[in-house]
Amino acid sequence: MKRNRHEAILSLVEKEELGTQEELMCRLHELGYNVTQATVSRDIKALKLVKSPVENGRYKYSAAKNENEDMSQKFFSILTHSVTGADYAGNMVVVKCISGMAGAACEAIDNLVEKGVVGTLAGDNTFFVLCRDEKSAGDFCEKIKRFADGN
């Protein structure tokens, strides 16, 4: 069942512009797959789907063209195109993003394995980063601000 669902997801993201987990979940329901958002999230991670830019400033899920593709470059691209600002207090960093992009940006941070980052939590246009200490938070915040400036 899981393999069939994964094949359906890959087919959907190849043919349609699905930009959110909810859109993907709805399409899977239409195809007869009774999935939850948590299942869709795990499937996205297992299939290594990334968000790619499309017209009108939107993003859509897409599959990596091959395993050797430089994923770090994609993650940096996601951050550059989605982060609008950041600030920190203590060992917590708050990162602001374009609406709907916090999950993708947060996933990019998780995959880049930043030194000093303990974990992340995403909403729609904001995500939080828990750092080991205040210095790590300050350093991370400055790095994120560079993405917001397009550097």
C-alpha atoms as a PDB file:
ATOM      1  CA  MET A   1       0.000   0.000   0.000  1.00  0.00           C
ATOM      2  CA  LYS A   2       2.816   2.401   0.920  1.00  0.00           C
ATOM      3  CA  ARG A   3       4.650   1.736  -2.344  1.00  0.00           C
ATOM      4  CA  ASN A   4       1.457   2.389  -4.317  1.00  0.00           C
ATOM      5  CA  ARG A   5       0.857   5.614  -2.387  1.00  0.00           C
ATOM      6  CA  HIS A   6       4.428   6.751  -3.035  1.00  0.00           C
ATOM      7  CA  GLU A   7       3.997   6.059  -6.748  1.00  0.00           C
ATOM      8  CA  ALA A   8       0.744   8.056  -6.692  1.00  0.00           C
ATOM      9  CA  ILE A   9       2.473  10.967  -4.953  1.00  0.00           C
ATOM     10  CA  LEU A  10       5.312  11.005  -7.479  1.00  0.00           C
ATOM     11  CA  SER A  11       2.810  10.935 -10.320  1.00  0.00           C
ATOM     12  CA  LEU A  12       0.786  13.776  -8.780  1.00  0.00           C
ATOM     13  CA  VAL A  13       3.753  16.084  -8.186  1.00  0.00           C
ATOM     14  CA  GLU A  14       4.991  15.423 -11.712  1.00  0.00           C
ATOM     15  CA  LYS A  15       1.647  16.357 -13.305  1.00  0.00           C
ATOM     16  CA  GLU A  16       0.227  19.003 -10.946  1.00  0.00           C
ATOM     17  CA  GLU A  17       1.342  22.118  -9.097  1.00  0.00           C
ATOM     18  CA  LEU A  18       0.783  20.995  -5.513  1.00  0.00           C
ATOM     19  CA  GLY A  19       2.359  23.478  -3.126  1.00  0.00           C
ATOM     20  CA  THR A  20       1.123  22.370   0.288  1.00  0.00           C
ATOM     21  CA  GLN A  21       0.786  19.141   2.215  1.00  0.00           C
ATOM     22  CA  GLU A  22      -2.954  19.825   2.458  1.00  0.00           C
ATOM     23  CA  GLU A  23      -3.298  20.022  -1.340  1.00  0.00           C
ATOM     24  CA  LEU A  24      -1.387  16.763  -1.699  1.00  0.00           C
ATOM     25  CA  MET A  25      -3.467  15.120   1.025  1.00  0.00           C
ATOM     26  CA  CYS A  26      -6.738  16.191  -0.677  1.00  0.00           C
ATOM     27  CA  ARG A  27      -5.601  14.807  -4.037  1.00  0.00           C
ATOM     28  CA  LEU A  28      -4.615  11.520  -2.379  1.00  0.00           C
ATOM     29  CA  HIS A  29      -8.054  11.325  -0.730  1.00  0.00           C
ATOM     30  CA  GLU A  30      -9.622  11.822  -4.180  1.00  0.00           C
ATOM     31  CA  LEU A  31      -7.571   8.842  -5.390  1.00  0.00           C
ATOM     32  CA  GLY A  32      -8.828   6.692  -2.506  1.00  0.00           C
ATOM     33  CA  TYR A  33      -5.862   6.942  -0.138  1.00  0.00           C
ATOM     34  CA  ASN A  34      -7.043   7.577   3.427  1.00  0.00           C
ATOM     35  CA  VAL A  35      -3.999   9.513   4.694  1.00  0.00           C
ATOM     36  CA  THR A  36      -3.369  12.021   7.445  1.00  0.00           C
ATOM     37  CA  GLN A  37      -1.195  15.116   7.268  1.00  0.00           C
ATOM     38  CA  ALA A  38       1.431  13.289   9.346  1.00  0.00           C
ATOM     39  CA  THR A  39       1.540  10.454   6.798  1.00  0.00           C
ATOM     40  CA  VAL A  40       1.878  12.916   3.915  1.00  0.00           C
ATOM     41  CA  SER A  41       4.687  14.679   5.787  1.00  0.00           C
ATOM     42  CA  ARG A  42       6.565  11.390   6.279  1.00  0.00           C
ATOM     43  CA  ASP A  43       6.008  10.464   2.620  1.00  0.00           C
ATOM     44  CA  ILE A  44       7.397  13.823   1.463  1.00  0.00           C
ATOM     45  CA  LYS A  45      10.495  13.261   3.554  1.00  0.00           C
ATOM     46  CA  ALA A  46      10.903   9.628   2.439  1.00  0.00           C
ATOM     47  CA  LEU A  47      10.534  10.592  -1.226  1.00  0.00           C
ATOM     48  CA  LYS A  48      12.903  13.543  -0.753  1.00  0.00           C
ATOM     49  CA  LEU A  49      10.470  15.937  -2.392  1.00  0.00           C
ATOM     50  CA  VAL A  50      11.541  19.553  -2.542  1.00  0.00           C
ATOM     51  CA  LYS A  51       9.645  22.757  -3.243  1.00  0.00           C
ATOM     52  CA  SER A  52      10.529  24.345  -6.564  1.00  0.00           C
ATOM     53  CA  PRO A  53       9.482  27.812  -7.739  1.00  0.00           C
ATOM     54  CA  VAL A  54       6.736  28.161 -10.368  1.00  0.00           C
ATOM     55  CA  GLU A  55       5.042  31.202 -11.896  1.00  0.00           C
ATOM     56  CA  ASN A  56       3.305  33.852  -9.768  1.00  0.00           C
ATOM     57  CA  GLY A  57       5.785  33.448  -6.897  1.00  0.00           C
ATOM     58  CA  ARG A  58       4.306  30.094  -5.876  1.00  0.00           C
ATOM     59  CA  TYR A  59       6.151  26.896  -5.113  1.00  0.00           C
ATOM     60  CA  LYS A  60       5.298  23.287  -5.866  1.00  0.00           C
ATOM     61  CA  TYR A  61       6.538  19.928  -4.703  1.00  0.00           C
ATOM     62  CA  SER A  62       8.825  18.126  -7.100  1.00  0.00           C
ATOM     63  CA  ALA A  63      11.026  15.062  -7.021  1.00  0.00           C
ATOM     64  CA  ALA A  64      14.786  15.328  -7.306  1.00  0.00           C
ATOM     65  CA  LYS A  65      15.851  14.435 -10.830  1.00  0.00           C
ATOM     66  CA  ASN A  66      18.532  12.077  -9.533  1.00  0.00           C
ATOM     67  CA  GLU A  67      20.162  11.096  -6.276  1.00  0.00           C
ATOM     68  CA  ASN A  68      23.377  12.954  -7.106  1.00  0.00           C
ATOM     69  CA  GLU A  69      21.600  16.287  -7.430  1.00  0.00           C
ATOM     70  CA  ASP A  70      23.095  18.864  -5.079  1.00  0.00           C
ATOM     71  CA  MET A  71      20.404  19.054  -2.405  1.00  0.00           C
ATOM     72  CA  SER A  72      22.311  21.651  -0.401  1.00  0.00           C
ATOM     73  CA  GLN A  73      21.970  24.085  -3.297  1.00  0.00           C
ATOM     74  CA  LYS A  74      18.215  23.465  -3.388  1.00  0.00           C
ATOM     75  CA  PHE A  75      17.941  24.071   0.345  1.00  0.00           C
ATOM     76  CA  PHE A  76      19.891  27.312   0.052  1.00  0.00           C
ATOM     77  CA  SER A  77      17.605  28.332  -2.804  1.00  0.00           C
ATOM     78  CA  ILE A  78      14.506  27.613  -0.716  1.00  0.00           C
ATOM     79  CA  LEU A  79      15.884  29.730   2.118  1.00  0.00           C
ATOM     80  CA  THR A  80      16.872  32.593  -0.177  1.00  0.00           C
ATOM     81  CA  HIS A  81      13.425  32.662  -1.795  1.00  0.00           C
ATOM     82  CA  SER A  82      11.338  32.227   1.350  1.00  0.00           C
ATOM     83  CA  VAL A  83      13.006  33.921   4.352  1.00  0.00           C
ATOM     84  CA  THR A  84      12.034  37.565   4.941  1.00  0.00           C
ATOM     85  CA  GLY A  85      13.644  38.202   8.332  1.00  0.00           C
ATOM     86  CA  ALA A  86      14.828  36.841  11.654  1.00  0.00           C
ATOM     87  CA  ASP A  87      15.410  37.826  15.263  1.00  0.00           C
ATOM     88  CA  TYR A  88      16.433  36.014  18.427  1.00  0.00           C
ATOM     89  CA  ALA A  89      15.989  36.114  22.188  1.00  0.00           C
ATOM     90  CA  GLY A  90      18.043  33.895  24.435  1.00  0.00           C
ATOM     91  CA  ASN A  91      18.610  30.611  22.647  1.00  0.00           C
ATOM     92  CA  MET A  92      15.485  30.887  20.423  1.00  0.00           C
ATOM     93  CA  VAL A  93      15.443  32.243  16.860  1.00  0.00           C
ATOM     94  CA  VAL A  94      12.237  33.339  15.136  1.00  0.00           C
ATOM     95  CA  VAL A  95      12.401  33.240  11.335  1.00  0.00           C
ATOM     96  CA  LYS A  96       9.765  34.997   9.214  1.00  0.00           C
ATOM     97  CA  CYS A  97       8.948  33.638   5.761  1.00  0.00           C
ATOM     98  CA  ILE A  98       6.684  34.237   2.813  1.00  0.00           C
ATOM     99  CA  SER A  99       3.228  32.866   3.630  1.00  0.00           C
ATOM    100  CA  GLY A 100       3.110  29.081   3.231  1.00  0.00           C
ATOM    101  CA  MET A 101       6.889  28.639   3.025  1.00  0.00           C
ATOM    102  CA  ALA A 102       7.921  28.205   6.666  1.00  0.00           C
ATOM    103  CA  GLY A 103       7.614  24.410   6.465  1.00  0.00           C
ATOM    104  CA  ALA A 104       9.903  24.181   3.448  1.00  0.00           C
ATOM    105  CA  ALA A 105      12.425  26.603   4.945  1.00  0.00           C
ATOM    106  CA  CYS A 106      12.358  24.732   8.245  1.00  0.00           C
ATOM    107  CA  GLU A 107      12.914  21.432   6.436  1.00  0.00           C
ATOM    108  CA  ALA A 108      15.883  23.003   4.642  1.00  0.00           C
ATOM    109  CA  ILE A 109      17.412  23.993   7.992  1.00  0.00           C
ATOM    110  CA  ASP A 110      16.819  20.489   9.359  1.00  0.00           C
ATOM    111  CA  ASN A 111      18.559  18.950   6.350  1.00  0.00           C
ATOM    112  CA  LEU A 112      21.498  21.346   6.380  1.00  0.00           C
ATOM    113  CA  VAL A 113      22.312  20.207   9.950  1.00  0.00           C
ATOM    114  CA  GLU A 114      23.388  23.563  11.292  1.00  0.00           C
ATOM    115  CA  LYS A 115      25.925  23.469  14.122  1.00  0.00           C
ATOM    116  CA  GLY A 116      24.371  24.711  17.353  1.00  0.00           C
ATOM    117  CA  VAL A 117      20.781  23.958  16.276  1.00  0.00           C
ATOM    118  CA  VAL A 118      18.874  21.545  18.502  1.00  0.00           C
ATOM    119  CA  GLY A 119      15.580  21.511  16.597  1.00  0.00           C
ATOM    120  CA  THR A 120      12.955  23.455  14.655  1.00  0.00           C
ATOM    121  CA  LEU A 121       9.197  23.965  14.640  1.00  0.00           C
ATOM    122  CA  ALA A 122       7.293  25.457  11.681  1.00  0.00           C
ATOM    123  CA  GLY A 123       4.008  27.244  11.216  1.00  0.00           C
ATOM    124  CA  ASP A 124       2.688  28.832   8.013  1.00  0.00           C
ATOM    125  CA  ASN A 125       4.911  31.907   7.724  1.00  0.00           C
ATOM    126  CA  THR A 126       7.131  31.588  10.813  1.00  0.00           C
ATOM    127  CA  PHE A 127       9.386  28.968  12.278  1.00  0.00           C
ATOM    128  CA  PHE A 128      11.259  28.688  15.549  1.00  0.00           C
ATOM    129  CA  VAL A 129      14.754  27.356  15.979  1.00  0.00           C
ATOM    130  CA  LEU A 130      15.975  26.106  19.335  1.00  0.00           C
ATOM    131  CA  CYS A 131      19.729  26.617  19.640  1.00  0.00           C
ATOM    132  CA  ARG A 132      22.115  25.210  22.235  1.00  0.00           C
ATOM    133  CA  ASP A 133      22.943  28.633  23.693  1.00  0.00           C
ATOM    134  CA  GLU A 134      22.540  32.371  23.081  1.00  0.00           C
ATOM    135  CA  LYS A 135      25.778  32.676  21.081  1.00  0.00           C
ATOM    136  CA  SER A 136      24.633  29.905  18.710  1.00  0.00           C
ATOM    137  CA  ALA A 137      21.275  31.661  18.345  1.00  0.00           C
ATOM    138  CA  GLY A 138      22.946  34.976  17.511  1.00  0.00           C
ATOM    139  CA  ASP A 139      25.261  33.362  14.958  1.00  0.00           C
ATOM    140  CA  PHE A 140      22.407  31.417  13.376  1.00  0.00           C
ATOM    141  CA  CYS A 141      20.191  34.523  13.264  1.00  0.00           C
ATOM    142  CA  GLU A 142      22.886  36.486  11.404  1.00  0.00           C
ATOM    143  CA  LYS A 143      23.297  33.647   8.907  1.00  0.00           C
ATOM    144  CA  ILE A 144      19.525  33.532   8.295  1.00  0.00           C
ATOM    145  CA  LYS A 145      19.368  37.319   7.843  1.00  0.00           C
ATOM    146  CA  ARG A 146      21.826  36.943   4.970  1.00  0.00           C
ATOM    147  CA  PHE A 147      19.296  34.665   3.230  1.00  0.00           C
ATOM    148  CA  ALA A 148      16.636  37.335   3.700  1.00  0.00           C
ATOM    149  CA  ASP A 149      19.014  39.822   2.047  1.00  0.00           C
ATOM    150  CA  GLY A 150      19.582  37.388  -0.838  1.00  0.00           C
ATOM    151  CA  ASN A 151      23.200  36.603   0.032  1.00  0.00           C
END
